[in-house]
N, C-alpha and C. Protein backbone atom coordinates (compact mmCIF):
# COMPACT_ATOMS: atom_id res chain seq x y z
N MET A 1 0.84 -1.20 0.00
CA MET A 1 0.00 0.00 0.00
C MET A 1 0.88 1.25 0.00
N ASP A 2 0.65 2.17 -0.96
CA ASP A 2 1.48 3.37 -0.99
C ASP A 2 0.99 4.34 0.09
N ASP A 3 1.76 5.44 0.28
CA ASP A 3 1.48 6.35 1.39
C ASP A 3 0.11 7.01 1.29
N ARG A 4 -0.29 7.41 0.07
CA ARG A 4 -1.59 8.06 -0.08
C ARG A 4 -2.73 7.08 0.21
N ALA A 5 -2.57 5.86 -0.23
CA ALA A 5 -3.59 4.84 0.04
C ALA A 5 -3.64 4.54 1.54
N ALA A 6 -2.47 4.52 2.18
CA ALA A 6 -2.43 4.27 3.62
C ALA A 6 -3.11 5.39 4.40
N LEU A 7 -2.91 6.63 3.94
CA LEU A 7 -3.57 7.76 4.59
C LEU A 7 -5.08 7.68 4.40
N ALA A 8 -5.52 7.36 3.20
CA ALA A 8 -6.96 7.22 2.94
C ALA A 8 -7.56 6.13 3.83
N ASP A 9 -6.82 5.06 4.03
CA ASP A 9 -7.29 3.97 4.89
C ASP A 9 -7.42 4.44 6.34
N TRP A 10 -6.43 5.20 6.81
CA TRP A 10 -6.51 5.75 8.17
C TRP A 10 -7.74 6.62 8.34
N LEU A 11 -7.98 7.49 7.36
CA LEU A 11 -9.12 8.40 7.47
C LEU A 11 -10.45 7.66 7.46
N ARG A 12 -10.55 6.61 6.66
CA ARG A 12 -11.77 5.79 6.66
C ARG A 12 -11.98 5.14 8.02
N ARG A 13 -10.92 4.65 8.60
CA ARG A 13 -11.01 4.00 9.91
C ARG A 13 -11.43 4.99 10.99
N LEU A 14 -10.86 6.21 10.94
CA LEU A 14 -11.21 7.22 11.93
C LEU A 14 -12.67 7.64 11.80
N GLU A 15 -13.13 7.80 10.57
CA GLU A 15 -14.52 8.18 10.35
C GLU A 15 -15.46 7.08 10.83
N ALA A 16 -15.08 5.84 10.63
CA ALA A 16 -15.95 4.72 10.99
C ALA A 16 -16.05 4.53 12.50
N ARG A 17 -14.99 4.81 13.21
CA ARG A 17 -15.01 4.52 14.65
C ARG A 17 -15.32 5.75 15.50
N ASN A 18 -15.58 6.86 14.86
CA ASN A 18 -15.91 8.08 15.60
C ASN A 18 -17.26 8.60 15.13
N GLU A 19 -18.31 8.05 15.68
CA GLU A 19 -19.66 8.45 15.29
C GLU A 19 -19.98 9.87 15.74
N ALA A 20 -19.45 10.29 16.88
CA ALA A 20 -19.70 11.64 17.38
C ALA A 20 -18.81 12.61 16.62
N ARG A 21 -19.40 13.42 15.76
CA ARG A 21 -18.62 14.37 14.96
C ARG A 21 -18.07 15.49 15.83
N ILE A 22 -18.83 15.92 16.84
CA ILE A 22 -18.39 16.97 17.75
C ILE A 22 -18.63 16.50 19.18
N GLU A 23 -17.59 16.45 19.96
CA GLU A 23 -17.70 16.07 21.38
C GLU A 23 -16.65 16.88 22.14
N LEU A 24 -17.07 18.05 22.62
CA LEU A 24 -16.13 18.97 23.24
C LEU A 24 -15.64 18.46 24.59
N GLY A 25 -14.41 18.85 24.94
CA GLY A 25 -13.82 18.45 26.22
C GLY A 25 -12.34 18.18 26.04
N LEU A 26 -11.55 18.41 27.08
CA LEU A 26 -10.10 18.27 26.97
C LEU A 26 -9.54 17.04 27.68
N ASP A 27 -10.34 16.37 28.48
CA ASP A 27 -9.80 15.25 29.27
C ASP A 27 -9.21 14.17 28.39
N ARG A 28 -9.91 13.77 27.33
CA ARG A 28 -9.41 12.71 26.45
C ARG A 28 -8.11 13.13 25.76
N VAL A 29 -8.11 14.33 25.24
CA VAL A 29 -6.94 14.80 24.50
C VAL A 29 -5.73 14.92 25.41
N ARG A 30 -5.92 15.48 26.59
CA ARG A 30 -4.80 15.64 27.52
C ARG A 30 -4.25 14.30 27.97
N ALA A 31 -5.13 13.33 28.16
CA ALA A 31 -4.66 12.00 28.60
C ALA A 31 -3.74 11.38 27.57
N VAL A 32 -4.10 11.50 26.29
CA VAL A 32 -3.28 10.92 25.23
C VAL A 32 -2.05 11.79 24.97
N LEU A 33 -2.22 13.10 25.00
CA LEU A 33 -1.10 14.02 24.76
C LEU A 33 0.05 13.76 25.71
N ALA A 34 -0.27 13.44 26.96
CA ALA A 34 0.77 13.18 27.96
C ALA A 34 1.63 11.97 27.61
N ARG A 35 1.12 11.10 26.75
CA ARG A 35 1.87 9.89 26.38
C ARG A 35 2.56 10.02 25.03
N LEU A 36 2.46 11.17 24.40
CA LEU A 36 3.00 11.33 23.05
C LEU A 36 4.34 12.06 23.04
N PRO A 37 5.16 11.82 22.01
CA PRO A 37 6.41 12.55 21.85
C PRO A 37 6.15 13.93 21.23
N VAL A 38 5.56 14.80 22.02
CA VAL A 38 5.18 16.13 21.55
C VAL A 38 5.92 17.17 22.38
N ALA A 39 6.61 18.08 21.71
CA ALA A 39 7.37 19.13 22.40
C ALA A 39 7.14 20.46 21.69
N PRO A 40 6.14 21.23 22.11
CA PRO A 40 5.91 22.54 21.49
C PRO A 40 7.13 23.45 21.67
N PRO A 41 7.41 24.29 20.70
CA PRO A 41 8.58 25.17 20.79
C PRO A 41 8.37 26.25 21.85
N PRO A 42 9.24 26.38 22.81
CA PRO A 42 9.04 27.36 23.89
C PRO A 42 8.88 28.78 23.34
N GLY A 43 7.79 29.44 23.77
CA GLY A 43 7.58 30.83 23.40
C GLY A 43 7.02 31.06 22.02
N ARG A 44 6.77 30.00 21.24
CA ARG A 44 6.37 30.19 19.86
C ARG A 44 5.16 29.35 19.45
N VAL A 45 4.22 29.19 20.34
CA VAL A 45 2.95 28.55 19.98
C VAL A 45 1.89 29.65 19.89
N PHE A 46 1.30 29.79 18.70
CA PHE A 46 0.31 30.82 18.43
C PHE A 46 -1.04 30.14 18.18
N THR A 47 -2.04 30.47 18.98
CA THR A 47 -3.37 29.87 18.83
C THR A 47 -4.37 30.95 18.43
N VAL A 48 -5.17 30.64 17.40
CA VAL A 48 -6.13 31.61 16.86
C VAL A 48 -7.54 31.04 16.95
N ALA A 49 -8.43 31.78 17.58
CA ALA A 49 -9.85 31.43 17.66
C ALA A 49 -10.65 32.58 17.05
N GLY A 50 -11.97 32.39 16.96
CA GLY A 50 -12.82 33.45 16.45
C GLY A 50 -13.93 32.91 15.57
N THR A 51 -14.89 33.76 15.28
CA THR A 51 -16.02 33.35 14.45
C THR A 51 -15.66 33.39 12.97
N ASN A 52 -15.03 34.46 12.53
CA ASN A 52 -14.62 34.60 11.14
C ASN A 52 -13.16 35.05 11.08
N GLY A 53 -12.49 34.66 9.99
CA GLY A 53 -11.13 35.15 9.77
C GLY A 53 -10.02 34.31 10.34
N LYS A 54 -10.35 33.16 10.94
CA LYS A 54 -9.29 32.34 11.54
C LYS A 54 -8.32 31.82 10.47
N GLY A 55 -8.86 31.32 9.37
CA GLY A 55 -8.00 30.72 8.34
C GLY A 55 -7.05 31.73 7.73
N SER A 56 -7.56 32.89 7.35
CA SER A 56 -6.70 33.90 6.74
C SER A 56 -5.69 34.44 7.75
N THR A 57 -6.12 34.58 9.01
CA THR A 57 -5.21 35.08 10.04
C THR A 57 -4.07 34.10 10.29
N THR A 58 -4.39 32.82 10.42
CA THR A 58 -3.32 31.85 10.64
C THR A 58 -2.41 31.76 9.42
N GLY A 59 -2.98 31.90 8.22
CA GLY A 59 -2.15 31.85 7.01
C GLY A 59 -1.17 32.99 6.95
N ILE A 60 -1.62 34.19 7.26
CA ILE A 60 -0.74 35.37 7.26
C ILE A 60 0.33 35.22 8.34
N LEU A 61 -0.08 34.77 9.51
CA LEU A 61 0.86 34.61 10.61
C LEU A 61 1.92 33.57 10.29
N ALA A 62 1.50 32.43 9.74
CA ALA A 62 2.46 31.39 9.38
C ALA A 62 3.44 31.88 8.31
N ALA A 63 2.92 32.64 7.34
CA ALA A 63 3.79 33.18 6.29
C ALA A 63 4.79 34.17 6.87
N ALA A 64 4.35 35.02 7.80
CA ALA A 64 5.25 36.00 8.42
C ALA A 64 6.35 35.31 9.22
N LEU A 65 5.97 34.28 9.96
CA LEU A 65 6.97 33.54 10.74
C LEU A 65 7.97 32.84 9.82
N GLY A 66 7.47 32.30 8.71
CA GLY A 66 8.36 31.67 7.75
C GLY A 66 9.31 32.67 7.13
N ALA A 67 8.79 33.87 6.81
CA ALA A 67 9.64 34.91 6.23
C ALA A 67 10.72 35.36 7.21
N ALA A 68 10.45 35.20 8.50
CA ALA A 68 11.43 35.55 9.53
C ALA A 68 12.46 34.45 9.74
N GLY A 69 12.34 33.37 8.96
CA GLY A 69 13.32 32.30 9.04
C GLY A 69 12.97 31.15 9.95
N LEU A 70 11.72 31.12 10.43
CA LEU A 70 11.31 30.05 11.34
C LEU A 70 10.67 28.91 10.56
N ARG A 71 10.99 27.70 10.95
CA ARG A 71 10.36 26.51 10.37
C ARG A 71 9.02 26.34 11.10
N THR A 72 7.95 26.64 10.41
CA THR A 72 6.64 26.79 11.05
C THR A 72 5.69 25.63 10.74
N GLY A 73 5.06 25.12 11.78
CA GLY A 73 3.98 24.16 11.63
C GLY A 73 2.66 24.91 11.68
N HIS A 74 1.77 24.63 10.73
CA HIS A 74 0.52 25.39 10.58
C HIS A 74 -0.63 24.40 10.50
N TYR A 75 -1.53 24.46 11.47
CA TYR A 75 -2.64 23.51 11.55
C TYR A 75 -3.97 24.24 11.41
N THR A 76 -4.80 23.80 10.45
CA THR A 76 -6.10 24.42 10.22
C THR A 76 -7.16 23.34 10.00
N SER A 77 -8.40 23.76 9.98
CA SER A 77 -9.51 22.86 9.62
C SER A 77 -10.72 23.72 9.24
N PRO A 78 -11.62 23.18 8.44
CA PRO A 78 -11.53 21.88 7.75
C PRO A 78 -10.69 22.01 6.49
N HIS A 79 -10.58 20.94 5.73
CA HIS A 79 -9.86 20.99 4.46
C HIS A 79 -10.87 21.09 3.32
N LEU A 80 -10.40 21.49 2.16
CA LEU A 80 -11.28 21.62 0.99
C LEU A 80 -11.25 20.37 0.12
N ARG A 81 -10.05 19.91 -0.23
CA ARG A 81 -9.95 18.75 -1.14
C ARG A 81 -9.17 17.59 -0.52
N ARG A 82 -8.08 17.89 0.18
CA ARG A 82 -7.22 16.84 0.72
C ARG A 82 -7.02 17.06 2.21
N TYR A 83 -7.01 15.98 2.97
CA TYR A 83 -6.80 16.11 4.41
C TYR A 83 -5.46 16.77 4.72
N THR A 84 -4.45 16.52 3.88
CA THR A 84 -3.13 17.08 4.13
C THR A 84 -3.10 18.60 4.10
N GLU A 85 -4.16 19.23 3.58
CA GLU A 85 -4.24 20.69 3.63
C GLU A 85 -4.27 21.19 5.07
N ARG A 86 -4.70 20.36 5.99
CA ARG A 86 -4.82 20.78 7.38
C ARG A 86 -3.47 20.94 8.08
N VAL A 87 -2.47 20.27 7.59
CA VAL A 87 -1.18 20.22 8.28
C VAL A 87 -0.09 20.69 7.32
N ARG A 88 0.50 21.83 7.61
CA ARG A 88 1.55 22.38 6.75
C ARG A 88 2.83 22.57 7.56
N ILE A 89 3.94 22.25 6.93
CA ILE A 89 5.24 22.41 7.55
C ILE A 89 6.10 23.24 6.62
N ALA A 90 6.61 24.36 7.13
CA ALA A 90 7.43 25.27 6.33
C ALA A 90 6.70 25.69 5.05
N GLY A 91 5.41 25.92 5.16
CA GLY A 91 4.63 26.43 4.04
C GLY A 91 4.13 25.41 3.06
N ARG A 92 4.42 24.13 3.28
CA ARG A 92 4.02 23.08 2.36
C ARG A 92 3.13 22.07 3.05
N GLU A 93 2.14 21.55 2.32
CA GLU A 93 1.31 20.48 2.88
C GLU A 93 2.18 19.31 3.32
N VAL A 94 1.85 18.74 4.45
CA VAL A 94 2.60 17.59 4.94
C VAL A 94 2.47 16.44 3.95
N ASP A 95 3.53 15.67 3.78
CA ASP A 95 3.43 14.52 2.89
C ASP A 95 2.70 13.39 3.60
N ALA A 96 2.07 12.54 2.82
CA ALA A 96 1.23 11.48 3.38
C ALA A 96 2.00 10.56 4.31
N ALA A 97 3.25 10.27 3.98
CA ALA A 97 4.04 9.35 4.80
C ALA A 97 4.23 9.89 6.21
N ARG A 98 4.52 11.18 6.33
CA ARG A 98 4.72 11.77 7.66
C ARG A 98 3.43 11.74 8.47
N LEU A 99 2.31 11.98 7.80
CA LEU A 99 1.03 11.99 8.50
C LEU A 99 0.61 10.58 8.91
N VAL A 100 0.86 9.62 8.05
CA VAL A 100 0.56 8.23 8.40
C VAL A 100 1.37 7.81 9.63
N ALA A 101 2.64 8.20 9.68
CA ALA A 101 3.48 7.88 10.83
C ALA A 101 2.94 8.54 12.09
N ALA A 102 2.47 9.78 11.96
CA ALA A 102 1.91 10.49 13.11
C ALA A 102 0.63 9.83 13.60
N PHE A 103 -0.23 9.42 12.66
CA PHE A 103 -1.46 8.72 13.04
C PHE A 103 -1.14 7.43 13.81
N ALA A 104 -0.15 6.69 13.33
CA ALA A 104 0.22 5.44 14.00
C ALA A 104 0.74 5.71 15.41
N THR A 105 1.49 6.80 15.57
CA THR A 105 2.02 7.15 16.89
C THR A 105 0.89 7.50 17.85
N VAL A 106 -0.08 8.28 17.38
CA VAL A 106 -1.23 8.63 18.22
C VAL A 106 -2.02 7.38 18.57
N ASP A 107 -2.26 6.54 17.60
CA ASP A 107 -3.05 5.33 17.82
C ASP A 107 -2.42 4.44 18.89
N ALA A 108 -1.09 4.35 18.86
CA ALA A 108 -0.39 3.51 19.83
C ALA A 108 -0.46 4.09 21.24
N ALA A 109 -0.72 5.40 21.34
CA ALA A 109 -0.73 6.05 22.65
C ALA A 109 -2.13 6.19 23.25
N THR A 110 -3.16 5.84 22.51
CA THR A 110 -4.52 6.10 23.01
C THR A 110 -4.86 5.29 24.26
N GLY A 111 -4.36 4.07 24.35
CA GLY A 111 -4.66 3.26 25.52
C GLY A 111 -6.14 3.06 25.75
N GLY A 112 -6.89 3.01 24.65
CA GLY A 112 -8.33 2.80 24.76
C GLY A 112 -9.15 4.07 24.90
N VAL A 113 -8.50 5.22 24.96
CA VAL A 113 -9.23 6.49 25.04
C VAL A 113 -9.92 6.75 23.70
N PRO A 114 -11.23 6.97 23.68
CA PRO A 114 -11.97 7.14 22.42
C PRO A 114 -11.90 8.57 21.88
N LEU A 115 -10.88 8.85 21.10
CA LEU A 115 -10.71 10.19 20.53
C LEU A 115 -11.67 10.41 19.37
N THR A 116 -12.14 11.63 19.21
CA THR A 116 -12.93 11.97 18.03
C THR A 116 -11.99 12.16 16.84
N TYR A 117 -12.57 12.24 15.67
CA TYR A 117 -11.83 12.48 14.42
C TYR A 117 -10.96 13.73 14.54
N PHE A 118 -11.53 14.82 15.04
CA PHE A 118 -10.79 16.07 15.15
C PHE A 118 -9.70 15.97 16.21
N GLU A 119 -10.00 15.36 17.34
CA GLU A 119 -9.00 15.21 18.39
C GLU A 119 -7.81 14.40 17.90
N PHE A 120 -8.09 13.30 17.22
CA PHE A 120 -7.03 12.44 16.70
C PHE A 120 -6.14 13.23 15.72
N GLY A 121 -6.78 13.97 14.82
CA GLY A 121 -6.03 14.74 13.84
C GLY A 121 -5.21 15.85 14.46
N THR A 122 -5.74 16.48 15.49
CA THR A 122 -5.01 17.55 16.18
C THR A 122 -3.75 17.00 16.83
N LEU A 123 -3.87 15.89 17.50
CA LEU A 123 -2.70 15.27 18.14
C LEU A 123 -1.69 14.81 17.09
N ALA A 124 -2.17 14.28 15.98
CA ALA A 124 -1.27 13.85 14.92
C ALA A 124 -0.49 15.03 14.35
N ALA A 125 -1.13 16.18 14.22
CA ALA A 125 -0.43 17.37 13.74
C ALA A 125 0.67 17.76 14.71
N ALA A 126 0.40 17.71 16.01
CA ALA A 126 1.42 18.05 17.01
C ALA A 126 2.59 17.09 16.95
N VAL A 127 2.30 15.80 16.74
CA VAL A 127 3.37 14.80 16.60
C VAL A 127 4.21 15.11 15.36
N ALA A 128 3.55 15.43 14.25
CA ALA A 128 4.25 15.72 13.00
C ALA A 128 5.12 16.96 13.12
N PHE A 129 4.60 18.01 13.78
CA PHE A 129 5.38 19.23 13.95
C PHE A 129 6.62 18.98 14.80
N THR A 130 6.47 18.17 15.85
CA THR A 130 7.61 17.85 16.70
C THR A 130 8.65 17.05 15.93
N ALA A 131 8.19 16.04 15.20
CA ALA A 131 9.11 15.20 14.43
C ALA A 131 9.85 15.99 13.37
N ALA A 132 9.19 17.02 12.82
CA ALA A 132 9.80 17.83 11.77
C ALA A 132 10.69 18.94 12.32
N GLY A 133 10.75 19.08 13.62
CA GLY A 133 11.58 20.10 14.22
C GLY A 133 11.08 21.51 14.00
N CYS A 134 9.76 21.68 13.94
CA CYS A 134 9.20 23.02 13.74
C CYS A 134 9.51 23.89 14.96
N ASP A 135 9.99 25.11 14.71
CA ASP A 135 10.33 25.99 15.82
C ASP A 135 9.30 27.09 16.03
N ALA A 136 8.15 26.99 15.37
CA ALA A 136 6.98 27.83 15.65
C ALA A 136 5.75 27.05 15.23
N TRP A 137 4.69 27.12 16.03
CA TRP A 137 3.43 26.45 15.70
C TRP A 137 2.32 27.48 15.62
N VAL A 138 1.52 27.39 14.56
CA VAL A 138 0.34 28.24 14.41
C VAL A 138 -0.87 27.31 14.36
N LEU A 139 -1.76 27.43 15.33
CA LEU A 139 -2.86 26.48 15.50
C LEU A 139 -4.20 27.19 15.40
N GLU A 140 -5.07 26.69 14.55
CA GLU A 140 -6.41 27.23 14.42
C GLU A 140 -7.40 26.41 15.24
N VAL A 141 -8.12 27.05 16.12
CA VAL A 141 -9.15 26.39 16.91
C VAL A 141 -10.26 25.91 15.98
N GLY A 142 -10.79 24.72 16.27
CA GLY A 142 -11.87 24.20 15.44
C GLY A 142 -13.22 24.80 15.79
N LEU A 143 -13.57 24.79 17.08
CA LEU A 143 -14.89 25.27 17.50
C LEU A 143 -14.76 25.85 18.91
N GLY A 144 -15.17 27.10 19.06
CA GLY A 144 -15.12 27.73 20.38
C GLY A 144 -13.71 28.05 20.79
N GLY A 145 -13.26 27.41 21.85
CA GLY A 145 -11.92 27.66 22.33
C GLY A 145 -11.62 26.89 23.61
N ARG A 146 -12.39 27.15 24.64
CA ARG A 146 -12.11 26.56 25.96
C ARG A 146 -12.03 25.05 25.91
N LEU A 147 -12.96 24.40 25.23
CA LEU A 147 -13.03 22.93 25.23
C LEU A 147 -12.61 22.31 23.90
N ASP A 148 -12.04 23.10 23.01
CA ASP A 148 -11.58 22.59 21.73
C ASP A 148 -10.27 21.84 21.91
N ALA A 149 -10.06 20.78 21.14
CA ALA A 149 -8.87 19.95 21.28
C ALA A 149 -7.58 20.74 21.16
N VAL A 150 -7.55 21.76 20.30
CA VAL A 150 -6.34 22.57 20.13
C VAL A 150 -5.92 23.21 21.45
N ASN A 151 -6.87 23.52 22.31
CA ASN A 151 -6.58 24.21 23.57
C ASN A 151 -5.86 23.32 24.58
N ALA A 152 -5.70 22.04 24.29
CA ALA A 152 -4.90 21.17 25.16
C ALA A 152 -3.43 21.52 25.07
N ILE A 153 -3.04 22.23 24.01
CA ILE A 153 -1.66 22.68 23.82
C ILE A 153 -1.60 24.13 24.25
N ASP A 154 -0.83 24.44 25.28
CA ASP A 154 -0.80 25.79 25.82
C ASP A 154 -0.20 26.78 24.83
N PRO A 155 -0.93 27.85 24.50
CA PRO A 155 -0.37 28.86 23.61
C PRO A 155 0.50 29.86 24.36
N ASP A 156 1.49 30.38 23.66
CA ASP A 156 2.28 31.49 24.18
C ASP A 156 1.69 32.82 23.73
N TRP A 157 0.99 32.79 22.60
CA TRP A 157 0.33 33.96 22.03
C TRP A 157 -1.08 33.54 21.63
N SER A 158 -2.08 34.32 22.05
CA SER A 158 -3.47 34.00 21.72
C SER A 158 -4.08 35.15 20.93
N LEU A 159 -4.86 34.79 19.91
CA LEU A 159 -5.53 35.80 19.11
C LEU A 159 -6.96 35.37 18.84
N ILE A 160 -7.90 36.25 19.12
CA ILE A 160 -9.30 36.01 18.81
C ILE A 160 -9.69 37.02 17.73
N THR A 161 -10.12 36.54 16.59
CA THR A 161 -10.35 37.42 15.44
C THR A 161 -11.61 38.25 15.61
N THR A 162 -12.75 37.62 15.59
CA THR A 162 -14.05 38.27 15.78
C THR A 162 -14.94 37.32 16.58
N ILE A 163 -16.03 37.85 17.08
CA ILE A 163 -16.98 37.01 17.81
C ILE A 163 -18.38 37.31 17.31
N GLY A 164 -19.04 36.27 16.82
CA GLY A 164 -20.43 36.39 16.38
C GLY A 164 -21.24 35.25 16.95
N LEU A 165 -22.49 35.16 16.54
CA LEU A 165 -23.37 34.11 17.05
C LEU A 165 -23.17 32.84 16.23
N ASP A 166 -22.15 32.07 16.59
CA ASP A 166 -21.84 30.84 15.87
C ASP A 166 -21.94 29.63 16.80
N HIS A 167 -22.34 28.50 16.26
CA HIS A 167 -22.41 27.24 17.01
C HIS A 167 -23.11 27.44 18.37
N GLN A 168 -24.26 28.09 18.34
CA GLN A 168 -24.93 28.44 19.59
C GLN A 168 -25.34 27.23 20.41
N GLU A 169 -25.55 26.09 19.75
CA GLU A 169 -25.94 24.89 20.49
C GLU A 169 -24.81 24.39 21.39
N TYR A 170 -23.58 24.80 21.11
CA TYR A 170 -22.43 24.39 21.90
C TYR A 170 -21.86 25.53 22.75
N LEU A 171 -21.96 26.77 22.26
CA LEU A 171 -21.22 27.87 22.87
C LEU A 171 -22.08 28.86 23.63
N GLY A 172 -23.40 28.83 23.44
CA GLY A 172 -24.27 29.80 24.08
C GLY A 172 -24.97 30.67 23.07
N ASP A 173 -25.96 31.41 23.52
CA ASP A 173 -26.78 32.17 22.57
C ASP A 173 -26.62 33.68 22.68
N THR A 174 -25.56 34.14 23.33
CA THR A 174 -25.26 35.57 23.38
C THR A 174 -23.79 35.78 23.04
N ILE A 175 -23.46 36.99 22.61
CA ILE A 175 -22.07 37.32 22.30
C ILE A 175 -21.18 37.14 23.52
N GLU A 176 -21.67 37.56 24.68
CA GLU A 176 -20.86 37.45 25.90
C GLU A 176 -20.59 35.99 26.27
N ALA A 177 -21.60 35.14 26.13
CA ALA A 177 -21.40 33.72 26.44
C ALA A 177 -20.40 33.09 25.48
N ILE A 178 -20.53 33.40 24.21
CA ILE A 178 -19.62 32.85 23.20
C ILE A 178 -18.21 33.40 23.40
N ALA A 179 -18.11 34.68 23.73
CA ALA A 179 -16.81 35.28 24.00
C ALA A 179 -16.11 34.58 25.16
N ALA A 180 -16.87 34.22 26.18
CA ALA A 180 -16.29 33.53 27.33
C ALA A 180 -15.72 32.18 26.93
N GLU A 181 -16.39 31.48 26.01
CA GLU A 181 -15.87 30.20 25.53
C GLU A 181 -14.59 30.40 24.71
N LYS A 182 -14.58 31.40 23.85
CA LYS A 182 -13.39 31.65 23.04
C LYS A 182 -12.23 32.17 23.90
N ALA A 183 -12.55 32.86 24.97
CA ALA A 183 -11.52 33.35 25.88
C ALA A 183 -10.78 32.23 26.59
N GLY A 184 -11.28 31.02 26.47
CA GLY A 184 -10.60 29.88 27.08
C GLY A 184 -9.22 29.63 26.53
N ILE A 185 -8.87 30.22 25.38
CA ILE A 185 -7.52 30.02 24.84
C ILE A 185 -6.51 30.98 25.46
N LEU A 186 -6.98 31.95 26.25
CA LEU A 186 -6.07 32.91 26.88
C LEU A 186 -5.33 32.25 28.04
N ARG A 187 -4.11 32.71 28.28
CA ARG A 187 -3.31 32.19 29.39
C ARG A 187 -2.79 33.35 30.23
N PRO A 188 -2.77 33.20 31.55
CA PRO A 188 -2.30 34.29 32.42
C PRO A 188 -0.87 34.70 32.07
N GLY A 189 -0.65 36.00 31.99
CA GLY A 189 0.69 36.52 31.78
C GLY A 189 1.22 36.38 30.37
N ARG A 190 0.39 35.93 29.43
CA ARG A 190 0.85 35.75 28.06
C ARG A 190 0.06 36.68 27.13
N PRO A 191 0.69 37.20 26.08
CA PRO A 191 0.04 38.19 25.22
C PRO A 191 -1.23 37.65 24.56
N ALA A 192 -2.23 38.52 24.42
CA ALA A 192 -3.48 38.17 23.77
C ALA A 192 -3.97 39.35 22.95
N PHE A 193 -4.64 39.06 21.84
CA PHE A 193 -5.10 40.09 20.93
C PHE A 193 -6.54 39.80 20.51
N TYR A 194 -7.30 40.88 20.30
CA TYR A 194 -8.66 40.75 19.80
C TYR A 194 -8.80 41.64 18.58
N GLY A 195 -9.38 41.12 17.51
CA GLY A 195 -9.38 41.82 16.24
C GLY A 195 -10.63 42.58 15.90
N ASP A 196 -11.40 43.02 16.88
CA ASP A 196 -12.66 43.70 16.58
C ASP A 196 -13.01 44.65 17.71
N THR A 197 -14.00 45.48 17.48
CA THR A 197 -14.55 46.35 18.53
C THR A 197 -16.07 46.30 18.45
N PRO A 198 -16.77 46.51 19.57
CA PRO A 198 -16.22 46.67 20.92
C PRO A 198 -15.74 45.33 21.48
N VAL A 199 -14.92 45.40 22.50
CA VAL A 199 -14.40 44.18 23.13
C VAL A 199 -15.43 43.67 24.13
N PRO A 200 -15.87 42.40 23.98
CA PRO A 200 -16.84 41.85 24.95
C PRO A 200 -16.31 41.89 26.38
N VAL A 201 -17.17 42.17 27.30
CA VAL A 201 -16.79 42.27 28.71
C VAL A 201 -16.16 40.97 29.19
N SER A 202 -16.70 39.84 28.75
CA SER A 202 -16.18 38.54 29.20
C SER A 202 -14.76 38.29 28.72
N LEU A 203 -14.32 38.95 27.66
CA LEU A 203 -12.92 38.86 27.24
C LEU A 203 -12.04 39.71 28.15
N ILE A 204 -12.51 40.90 28.46
CA ILE A 204 -11.73 41.81 29.29
C ILE A 204 -11.48 41.20 30.67
N HIS A 205 -12.45 40.48 31.19
CA HIS A 205 -12.36 39.93 32.53
C HIS A 205 -11.74 38.53 32.58
N SER A 206 -11.34 38.02 31.43
CA SER A 206 -10.76 36.66 31.42
C SER A 206 -9.28 36.69 31.81
C-alpha cells in the first residue's frame, strides 16, 4: 500500500469509529497528549480562535513567521480537497508518509481512550510538527476555544479574530457567552489580541 492509500485507509477508519462528529472536552486529548512525543517550541505557539477570519489570520501569521526564518507548523480545519491541507510544515502540505506515521504514533498512545476524528487529527499534527523540528506552531481552533482539542496545547500567544453568534448549540446564545468560551484560549501573563470592537466584557475579565 502506498502512502496516499495508507492515509486514505486511516481516514476511513477514523470516520468509521468516531460516530460523534463533535464532542467537546479536553480530558481525552490531555490524557493521550501526555503519552505522546510532543514538544511545542518554547515561546512560539500561536493559537487563533474566532467566528470569522481564523483561516486567513493563521495563514498570514504562518507566512510571516516563515519569512522571519522560522520553520513553522501550521494547523487548520476543515480541508477543501485533501486532508493534508490541514497540516503544513514550512509552508508546504505535509506529505502522506509523515502523517501516516503520526497517526500510527497517536493510535499507539490512546490506551483505549476514544478520541474523536478532530481530536485524533489535532494530536497527529502536534506529533508531525515535533518530528519535523518546527520551531513555531500556528494552530487554528476548530470550535469555540475553551473545550476545543487545540486548547490542550498551551499557547504562548493568543488571538481572537471576531466574535459572532456561531455554534450556539455548543457555545451559548449571546455574544458574551460565546466570548467567554473563546476566551478559554487565553493564558495568564501571556500576550493576547482581539481583532474587533467593541471588546466583549467577558474577554476583558478573562
